[in-house]
Amino acid sequence: MNEEFPRELTIGELARDAGCSVQSVRWYEAQGLLPAAARTAGNQRRYTQVHAARLNFLRHSRDLGFSLDDIRGLLSLTGQPDMPCEEADQIASRHLKDVEIKIEALEHLRDELKGMVHECRGGRIKDCRVIEVLSDHRECQHKDHQPLEAKKIS
């Protein structure tokens, strides 16, 4: 491969190499997270290694659960390589705290479900502990649980 003229990628090749779908590539592009690709005379998108690197960054960030806003913030920092990384640390620290809160909520959820399953006597629905607890929140071991979506503090 000639280093002066790196190989361009089709959208299918870019998606395959990044482990995502063509629709995801188009979506990231529409959201402004992936720069628009150059087009051929036949209007086909052509992507470069810069696009591939950006898409891998996006995919890895999403795999780690970063929000799109956080990813936008992190991407904006990549254009300022000599800047201190304090803001990136703050974004990652805030995300870590959110993850820890969700883990705690999931542990309470697990305990609640274990209790319901353990107390279920396998009889009839009219005596089923699972149905009883789901029907009356006062029967829960942890009265303060909320949907996981509500467990974000940032």
N, C-alpha and C. Protein backbone atom coordinates (compact mmCIF):
# COMPACT_ATOMS: atom_id res chain seq x y z
N MET A 1 0.84 -1.18 0.00
CA MET A 1 0.00 0.00 0.00
C MET A 1 0.89 1.24 0.00
N ASN A 2 0.60 2.18 -0.84
CA ASN A 2 1.35 3.41 -0.93
C ASN A 2 0.93 4.33 0.22
N GLU A 3 1.86 4.66 1.11
CA GLU A 3 1.55 5.48 2.29
C GLU A 3 1.14 6.90 1.91
N GLU A 4 1.60 7.36 0.74
CA GLU A 4 1.26 8.70 0.31
C GLU A 4 -0.23 8.80 -0.03
N PHE A 5 -0.79 7.71 -0.54
CA PHE A 5 -2.19 7.66 -0.92
C PHE A 5 -2.86 6.48 -0.20
N PRO A 6 -3.25 6.68 1.06
CA PRO A 6 -3.86 5.56 1.79
C PRO A 6 -5.17 5.12 1.14
N ARG A 7 -5.45 3.86 1.29
CA ARG A 7 -6.66 3.27 0.72
C ARG A 7 -7.91 3.90 1.33
N GLU A 8 -8.85 4.23 0.49
CA GLU A 8 -10.13 4.73 0.97
C GLU A 8 -11.05 3.54 1.21
N LEU A 9 -11.99 3.72 2.12
CA LEU A 9 -12.91 2.65 2.50
C LEU A 9 -14.32 2.98 2.07
N THR A 10 -15.04 1.96 1.64
CA THR A 10 -16.48 2.14 1.41
C THR A 10 -17.16 2.16 2.77
N ILE A 11 -18.41 2.54 2.80
CA ILE A 11 -19.14 2.56 4.06
C ILE A 11 -19.27 1.16 4.64
N GLY A 12 -19.43 0.17 3.78
CA GLY A 12 -19.52 -1.22 4.24
C GLY A 12 -18.22 -1.70 4.87
N GLU A 13 -17.09 -1.36 4.24
CA GLU A 13 -15.79 -1.74 4.78
C GLU A 13 -15.53 -1.05 6.12
N LEU A 14 -15.86 0.24 6.19
CA LEU A 14 -15.67 0.99 7.43
C LEU A 14 -16.49 0.37 8.55
N ALA A 15 -17.75 0.08 8.26
CA ALA A 15 -18.64 -0.50 9.27
C ALA A 15 -18.13 -1.87 9.71
N ARG A 16 -17.76 -2.70 8.76
CA ARG A 16 -17.26 -4.04 9.09
C ARG A 16 -16.01 -3.96 9.95
N ASP A 17 -15.07 -3.11 9.58
CA ASP A 17 -13.82 -2.98 10.33
C ASP A 17 -14.06 -2.49 11.76
N ALA A 18 -15.09 -1.66 11.95
CA ALA A 18 -15.39 -1.12 13.28
C ALA A 18 -16.35 -2.02 14.06
N GLY A 19 -16.89 -3.03 13.40
CA GLY A 19 -17.82 -3.93 14.09
C GLY A 19 -19.19 -3.32 14.33
N CYS A 20 -19.64 -2.53 13.38
CA CYS A 20 -20.98 -1.94 13.52
C CYS A 20 -21.71 -2.03 12.18
N SER A 21 -22.89 -1.50 12.15
CA SER A 21 -23.69 -1.56 10.92
C SER A 21 -23.47 -0.31 10.08
N VAL A 22 -23.82 -0.42 8.83
CA VAL A 22 -23.78 0.72 7.92
C VAL A 22 -24.72 1.82 8.44
N GLN A 23 -25.86 1.41 8.98
CA GLN A 23 -26.81 2.39 9.53
C GLN A 23 -26.19 3.16 10.68
N SER A 24 -25.37 2.50 11.51
CA SER A 24 -24.69 3.19 12.61
C SER A 24 -23.72 4.23 12.08
N VAL A 25 -22.98 3.90 11.03
CA VAL A 25 -22.05 4.85 10.43
C VAL A 25 -22.83 6.07 9.94
N ARG A 26 -23.92 5.84 9.23
CA ARG A 26 -24.74 6.96 8.74
C ARG A 26 -25.30 7.78 9.89
N TRP A 27 -25.71 7.11 10.96
CA TRP A 27 -26.27 7.81 12.13
C TRP A 27 -25.21 8.68 12.79
N TYR A 28 -24.02 8.12 13.01
CA TYR A 28 -22.93 8.92 13.61
C TYR A 28 -22.61 10.13 12.73
N GLU A 29 -22.65 9.94 11.44
CA GLU A 29 -22.40 11.04 10.51
C GLU A 29 -23.49 12.09 10.63
N ALA A 30 -24.75 11.65 10.69
CA ALA A 30 -25.88 12.59 10.80
C ALA A 30 -25.84 13.36 12.11
N GLN A 31 -25.31 12.75 13.16
CA GLN A 31 -25.21 13.40 14.46
C GLN A 31 -24.02 14.35 14.56
N GLY A 32 -23.19 14.37 13.54
CA GLY A 32 -22.02 15.22 13.53
C GLY A 32 -20.85 14.66 14.33
N LEU A 33 -20.96 13.40 14.74
CA LEU A 33 -19.89 12.76 15.50
C LEU A 33 -18.81 12.18 14.58
N LEU A 34 -19.19 11.87 13.37
CA LEU A 34 -18.26 11.36 12.36
C LEU A 34 -18.28 12.36 11.21
N PRO A 35 -17.13 12.88 10.81
CA PRO A 35 -17.13 13.86 9.71
C PRO A 35 -17.73 13.27 8.44
N ALA A 36 -18.37 14.12 7.68
CA ALA A 36 -18.96 13.67 6.42
C ALA A 36 -17.85 13.14 5.51
N ALA A 37 -18.18 12.09 4.81
CA ALA A 37 -17.21 11.47 3.90
C ALA A 37 -17.21 12.19 2.56
N ALA A 38 -16.07 12.12 1.89
CA ALA A 38 -16.00 12.62 0.51
C ALA A 38 -16.86 11.71 -0.36
N ARG A 39 -17.31 12.23 -1.44
CA ARG A 39 -18.15 11.45 -2.36
C ARG A 39 -17.46 11.29 -3.71
N THR A 40 -17.69 10.14 -4.29
CA THR A 40 -17.16 9.89 -5.63
C THR A 40 -18.08 10.55 -6.65
N ALA A 41 -17.68 10.51 -7.91
CA ALA A 41 -18.53 11.05 -8.98
C ALA A 41 -19.86 10.32 -9.01
N GLY A 42 -19.86 9.06 -8.59
CA GLY A 42 -21.09 8.27 -8.54
C GLY A 42 -21.84 8.45 -7.22
N ASN A 43 -21.43 9.40 -6.39
CA ASN A 43 -22.05 9.76 -5.11
C ASN A 43 -21.86 8.70 -4.02
N GLN A 44 -20.84 7.85 -4.17
CA GLN A 44 -20.53 6.87 -3.12
C GLN A 44 -19.66 7.53 -2.07
N ARG A 45 -19.96 7.22 -0.80
CA ARG A 45 -19.11 7.74 0.28
C ARG A 45 -17.76 7.04 0.24
N ARG A 46 -16.69 7.80 0.53
CA ARG A 46 -15.34 7.24 0.65
C ARG A 46 -14.75 7.75 1.95
N TYR A 47 -14.36 6.78 2.79
CA TYR A 47 -13.84 7.09 4.12
C TYR A 47 -12.34 6.86 4.18
N THR A 48 -11.69 7.58 5.08
CA THR A 48 -10.23 7.49 5.25
C THR A 48 -9.93 6.83 6.59
N GLN A 49 -8.64 6.68 6.85
CA GLN A 49 -8.21 6.14 8.13
C GLN A 49 -8.58 7.08 9.28
N VAL A 50 -8.71 8.36 9.02
CA VAL A 50 -9.17 9.32 10.03
C VAL A 50 -10.59 8.97 10.46
N HIS A 51 -11.43 8.64 9.48
CA HIS A 51 -12.80 8.23 9.80
C HIS A 51 -12.80 6.93 10.60
N ALA A 52 -11.94 6.00 10.20
CA ALA A 52 -11.87 4.71 10.89
C ALA A 52 -11.45 4.90 12.35
N ALA A 53 -10.46 5.75 12.58
CA ALA A 53 -10.00 6.00 13.95
C ALA A 53 -11.11 6.66 14.77
N ARG A 54 -11.82 7.62 14.18
CA ARG A 54 -12.91 8.30 14.88
C ARG A 54 -14.04 7.33 15.19
N LEU A 55 -14.38 6.48 14.24
CA LEU A 55 -15.45 5.52 14.46
C LEU A 55 -15.07 4.52 15.55
N ASN A 56 -13.82 4.09 15.57
CA ASN A 56 -13.38 3.18 16.65
C ASN A 56 -13.46 3.87 18.01
N PHE A 57 -13.12 5.15 18.07
CA PHE A 57 -13.25 5.92 19.30
C PHE A 57 -14.72 5.97 19.73
N LEU A 58 -15.61 6.26 18.79
CA LEU A 58 -17.04 6.32 19.08
C LEU A 58 -17.57 4.98 19.59
N ARG A 59 -17.22 3.92 18.89
CA ARG A 59 -17.72 2.59 19.27
C ARG A 59 -17.20 2.20 20.66
N HIS A 60 -15.93 2.44 20.93
CA HIS A 60 -15.37 2.07 22.22
C HIS A 60 -16.00 2.91 23.34
N SER A 61 -16.18 4.19 23.08
CA SER A 61 -16.83 5.06 24.07
C SER A 61 -18.25 4.59 24.37
N ARG A 62 -18.99 4.23 23.33
CA ARG A 62 -20.36 3.74 23.53
C ARG A 62 -20.35 2.40 24.26
N ASP A 63 -19.40 1.52 23.92
CA ASP A 63 -19.29 0.23 24.61
C ASP A 63 -19.05 0.43 26.11
N LEU A 64 -18.35 1.50 26.46
CA LEU A 64 -18.09 1.80 27.88
C LEU A 64 -19.22 2.61 28.51
N GLY A 65 -20.27 2.88 27.73
CA GLY A 65 -21.46 3.52 28.28
C GLY A 65 -21.45 5.03 28.34
N PHE A 66 -20.47 5.68 27.71
CA PHE A 66 -20.46 7.14 27.72
C PHE A 66 -21.66 7.66 26.93
N SER A 67 -22.23 8.74 27.41
CA SER A 67 -23.36 9.37 26.72
C SER A 67 -22.85 10.08 25.47
N LEU A 68 -23.76 10.38 24.56
CA LEU A 68 -23.37 11.10 23.35
C LEU A 68 -22.83 12.49 23.69
N ASP A 69 -23.42 13.15 24.69
CA ASP A 69 -22.91 14.46 25.10
C ASP A 69 -21.48 14.35 25.62
N ASP A 70 -21.22 13.32 26.43
CA ASP A 70 -19.86 13.12 26.94
C ASP A 70 -18.90 12.82 25.79
N ILE A 71 -19.33 12.03 24.84
CA ILE A 71 -18.48 11.70 23.69
C ILE A 71 -18.18 12.96 22.88
N ARG A 72 -19.20 13.79 22.69
CA ARG A 72 -18.98 15.07 21.99
C ARG A 72 -17.92 15.90 22.72
N GLY A 73 -18.05 15.96 24.05
CA GLY A 73 -17.08 16.70 24.84
C GLY A 73 -15.68 16.14 24.71
N LEU A 74 -15.57 14.83 24.77
CA LEU A 74 -14.26 14.19 24.64
C LEU A 74 -13.67 14.41 23.25
N LEU A 75 -14.52 14.31 22.24
CA LEU A 75 -14.05 14.54 20.88
C LEU A 75 -13.57 15.97 20.68
N SER A 76 -14.26 16.92 21.30
CA SER A 76 -13.82 18.31 21.15
C SER A 76 -12.44 18.51 21.77
N LEU A 77 -12.13 17.72 22.79
CA LEU A 77 -10.82 17.83 23.42
C LEU A 77 -9.70 17.26 22.54
N THR A 78 -10.04 16.27 21.70
CA THR A 78 -9.01 15.66 20.87
C THR A 78 -8.42 16.65 19.88
N GLY A 79 -9.13 17.73 19.58
CA GLY A 79 -8.62 18.75 18.68
C GLY A 79 -7.68 19.74 19.36
N GLN A 80 -7.46 19.54 20.66
CA GLN A 80 -6.59 20.44 21.43
C GLN A 80 -5.55 19.60 22.19
N PRO A 81 -4.63 18.97 21.48
CA PRO A 81 -3.73 17.99 22.08
C PRO A 81 -2.80 18.53 23.17
N ASP A 82 -2.53 19.83 23.20
CA ASP A 82 -1.61 20.37 24.21
C ASP A 82 -2.34 20.87 25.45
N MET A 83 -3.65 20.76 25.47
CA MET A 83 -4.44 21.20 26.61
C MET A 83 -4.33 20.19 27.75
N PRO A 84 -4.42 20.63 29.01
CA PRO A 84 -4.42 19.66 30.12
C PRO A 84 -5.63 18.73 29.99
N CYS A 85 -5.50 17.52 30.50
CA CYS A 85 -6.58 16.54 30.33
C CYS A 85 -7.58 16.56 31.50
N GLU A 86 -7.59 17.61 32.27
CA GLU A 86 -8.50 17.71 33.42
C GLU A 86 -9.96 17.53 33.03
N GLU A 87 -10.38 18.13 31.94
CA GLU A 87 -11.78 18.02 31.53
C GLU A 87 -12.14 16.58 31.14
N ALA A 88 -11.22 15.90 30.46
CA ALA A 88 -11.46 14.49 30.11
C ALA A 88 -11.56 13.66 31.38
N ASP A 89 -10.70 13.93 32.35
CA ASP A 89 -10.76 13.22 33.64
C ASP A 89 -12.09 13.47 34.34
N GLN A 90 -12.57 14.71 34.28
CA GLN A 90 -13.85 15.04 34.91
C GLN A 90 -15.00 14.29 34.26
N ILE A 91 -14.99 14.22 32.94
CA ILE A 91 -16.04 13.50 32.22
C ILE A 91 -16.02 12.03 32.60
N ALA A 92 -14.83 11.43 32.60
CA ALA A 92 -14.71 10.00 32.94
C ALA A 92 -15.06 9.76 34.41
N SER A 93 -14.67 10.66 35.29
CA SER A 93 -14.99 10.50 36.73
C SER A 93 -16.49 10.59 36.97
N ARG A 94 -17.13 11.52 36.29
CA ARG A 94 -18.60 11.65 36.43
C ARG A 94 -19.29 10.38 35.92
N HIS A 95 -18.81 9.86 34.81
CA HIS A 95 -19.39 8.63 34.26
C HIS A 95 -19.16 7.46 35.21
N LEU A 96 -17.97 7.37 35.79
CA LEU A 96 -17.67 6.31 36.76
C LEU A 96 -18.64 6.38 37.94
N LYS A 97 -18.89 7.58 38.44
CA LYS A 97 -19.82 7.74 39.56
C LYS A 97 -21.22 7.26 39.18
N ASP A 98 -21.66 7.61 37.98
CA ASP A 98 -22.97 7.14 37.49
C ASP A 98 -23.02 5.62 37.41
N VAL A 99 -21.94 5.01 36.92
CA VAL A 99 -21.87 3.55 36.82
C VAL A 99 -21.93 2.92 38.22
N GLU A 100 -21.21 3.49 39.17
CA GLU A 100 -21.23 2.95 40.54
C GLU A 100 -22.62 3.04 41.15
N ILE A 101 -23.34 4.13 40.89
CA ILE A 101 -24.72 4.27 41.38
C ILE A 101 -25.61 3.20 40.75
N LYS A 102 -25.43 2.97 39.46
CA LYS A 102 -26.24 1.95 38.78
C LYS A 102 -25.90 0.55 39.29
N ILE A 103 -24.64 0.30 39.57
CA ILE A 103 -24.25 -1.00 40.13
C ILE A 103 -24.93 -1.21 41.48
N GLU A 104 -24.93 -0.19 42.31
CA GLU A 104 -25.60 -0.30 43.62
C GLU A 104 -27.09 -0.57 43.44
N ALA A 105 -27.71 0.13 42.48
CA ALA A 105 -29.13 -0.10 42.21
C ALA A 105 -29.37 -1.52 41.71
N LEU A 106 -28.47 -2.01 40.86
CA LEU A 106 -28.61 -3.38 40.35
C LEU A 106 -28.43 -4.41 41.47
N GLU A 107 -27.54 -4.13 42.42
CA GLU A 107 -27.37 -5.05 43.55
C GLU A 107 -28.64 -5.11 44.39
N HIS A 108 -29.28 -3.96 44.61
CA HIS A 108 -30.55 -3.95 45.35
C HIS A 108 -31.63 -4.70 44.56
N LEU A 109 -31.64 -4.49 43.25
CA LEU A 109 -32.60 -5.18 42.40
C LEU A 109 -32.38 -6.69 42.47
N ARG A 110 -31.13 -7.12 42.39
CA ARG A 110 -30.82 -8.55 42.49
C ARG A 110 -31.30 -9.12 43.82
N ASP A 111 -31.02 -8.40 44.93
CA ASP A 111 -31.45 -8.87 46.25
C ASP A 111 -32.97 -8.98 46.33
N GLU A 112 -33.66 -8.00 45.78
CA GLU A 112 -35.12 -8.01 45.79
C GLU A 112 -35.66 -9.21 45.02
N LEU A 113 -35.12 -9.43 43.83
CA LEU A 113 -35.57 -10.55 43.02
C LEU A 113 -35.24 -11.89 43.66
N LYS A 114 -34.04 -12.00 44.24
CA LYS A 114 -33.67 -13.23 44.95
C LYS A 114 -34.66 -13.52 46.07
N GLY A 115 -35.00 -12.47 46.83
CA GLY A 115 -35.94 -12.63 47.93
C GLY A 115 -37.30 -13.09 47.44
N MET A 116 -37.80 -12.48 46.39
CA MET A 116 -39.10 -12.88 45.84
C MET A 116 -39.07 -14.33 45.39
N VAL A 117 -38.03 -14.70 44.66
CA VAL A 117 -37.94 -16.06 44.13
C VAL A 117 -37.78 -17.06 45.28
N HIS A 118 -36.94 -16.73 46.26
CA HIS A 118 -36.69 -17.63 47.38
C HIS A 118 -37.97 -17.83 48.22
N GLU A 119 -38.76 -16.78 48.40
CA GLU A 119 -39.95 -16.86 49.23
C GLU A 119 -41.15 -17.46 48.50
N CYS A 120 -41.04 -17.57 47.19
CA CYS A 120 -42.16 -18.16 46.43
C CYS A 120 -42.25 -19.65 46.78
N ARG A 121 -43.41 -20.05 47.15
CA ARG A 121 -43.60 -21.42 47.63
C ARG A 121 -43.97 -22.40 46.52
N GLY A 122 -44.06 -21.93 45.29
CA GLY A 122 -44.35 -22.82 44.17
C GLY A 122 -45.77 -23.34 44.18
N GLY A 123 -46.64 -22.70 44.91
CA GLY A 123 -48.05 -23.12 44.96
C GLY A 123 -48.84 -22.53 43.82
N ARG A 124 -49.94 -21.93 44.21
CA ARG A 124 -50.82 -21.34 43.20
C ARG A 124 -50.59 -19.83 43.13
N ILE A 125 -51.02 -19.25 42.03
CA ILE A 125 -50.85 -17.82 41.82
C ILE A 125 -51.44 -17.01 42.96
N LYS A 126 -52.56 -17.44 43.53
CA LYS A 126 -53.18 -16.66 44.60
C LYS A 126 -52.28 -16.57 45.84
N ASP A 127 -51.31 -17.47 45.98
CA ASP A 127 -50.37 -17.44 47.10
C ASP A 127 -48.93 -17.12 46.66
N CYS A 128 -48.76 -16.72 45.44
CA CYS A 128 -47.42 -16.52 44.87
C CYS A 128 -46.77 -15.26 45.43
N ARG A 129 -45.59 -15.43 46.01
CA ARG A 129 -44.87 -14.31 46.62
C ARG A 129 -44.42 -13.29 45.56
N VAL A 130 -44.05 -13.77 44.39
CA VAL A 130 -43.64 -12.86 43.32
C VAL A 130 -44.80 -11.91 42.99
N ILE A 131 -45.98 -12.47 42.82
CA ILE A 131 -47.17 -11.65 42.50
C ILE A 131 -47.51 -10.72 43.66
N GLU A 132 -47.39 -11.22 44.89
CA GLU A 132 -47.68 -10.39 46.07
C GLU A 132 -46.77 -9.17 46.13
N VAL A 133 -45.48 -9.38 45.96
CA VAL A 133 -44.53 -8.28 46.06
C VAL A 133 -44.74 -7.28 44.92
N LEU A 134 -44.95 -7.79 43.71
CA LEU A 134 -45.15 -6.89 42.58
C LEU A 134 -46.46 -6.12 42.70
N SER A 135 -47.42 -6.68 43.40
CA SER A 135 -48.71 -6.02 43.58
C SER A 135 -48.71 -4.99 44.69
N ASP A 136 -47.79 -5.12 45.65
CA ASP A 136 -47.79 -4.21 46.81
C ASP A 136 -46.35 -3.84 47.14
N HIS A 137 -45.98 -2.63 46.79
CA HIS A 137 -44.61 -2.15 46.98
C HIS A 137 -44.17 -2.23 48.44
N ARG A 138 -45.11 -2.19 49.36
CA ARG A 138 -44.75 -2.28 50.79
C ARG A 138 -44.17 -3.64 51.14
N GLU A 139 -44.35 -4.63 50.30
CA GLU A 139 -43.81 -5.97 50.52
C GLU A 139 -42.34 -6.10 50.12
N CYS A 140 -41.81 -5.08 49.46
CA CYS A 140 -40.42 -5.11 49.01
C CYS A 140 -39.47 -5.03 50.20
N GLN A 141 -38.30 -5.66 50.05
CA GLN A 141 -37.25 -5.55 51.05
C GLN A 141 -36.66 -4.15 51.04
N HIS A 142 -36.48 -3.58 49.85
CA HIS A 142 -35.91 -2.24 49.68
C HIS A 142 -37.01 -1.34 49.17
N LYS A 143 -37.54 -0.50 50.03
CA LYS A 143 -38.68 0.33 49.67
C LYS A 143 -38.29 1.50 48.76
N ASP A 144 -37.00 1.81 48.70
CA ASP A 144 -36.58 3.02 47.99
C ASP A 144 -36.08 2.78 46.57
N HIS A 145 -36.25 1.57 46.01
CA HIS A 145 -35.71 1.37 44.67
C HIS A 145 -36.51 2.15 43.63
N GLN A 146 -35.78 2.56 42.60
CA GLN A 146 -36.33 3.33 41.50
C GLN A 146 -35.86 2.67 40.21
N PRO A 147 -36.50 3.03 39.10
CA PRO A 147 -35.98 2.52 37.83
C PRO A 147 -34.53 2.94 37.65
N LEU A 148 -33.74 2.11 37.00
CA LEU A 148 -32.32 2.42 36.82
C LEU A 148 -32.10 3.75 36.10
N GLU A 149 -33.00 4.12 35.20
CA GLU A 149 -32.85 5.37 34.47
C GLU A 149 -32.87 6.56 35.43
N ALA A 150 -33.54 6.42 36.57
CA ALA A 150 -33.62 7.52 37.53
C ALA A 150 -32.39 7.62 38.41
N LYS A 151 -31.48 6.65 38.32
CA LYS A 151 -30.31 6.58 39.19
C LYS A 151 -29.11 7.29 38.58
N LYS A 152 -29.29 8.46 38.03
CA LYS A 152 -28.17 9.20 37.48
C LYS A 152 -28.11 10.54 38.20
N ILE A 153 -26.94 10.93 38.61
CA ILE A 153 -26.82 12.15 39.40
C ILE A 153 -26.21 13.31 38.66
N SER A 154 -25.63 13.10 37.49
CA SER A 154 -24.91 14.19 36.81
C SER A 154 -25.81 15.21 36.17
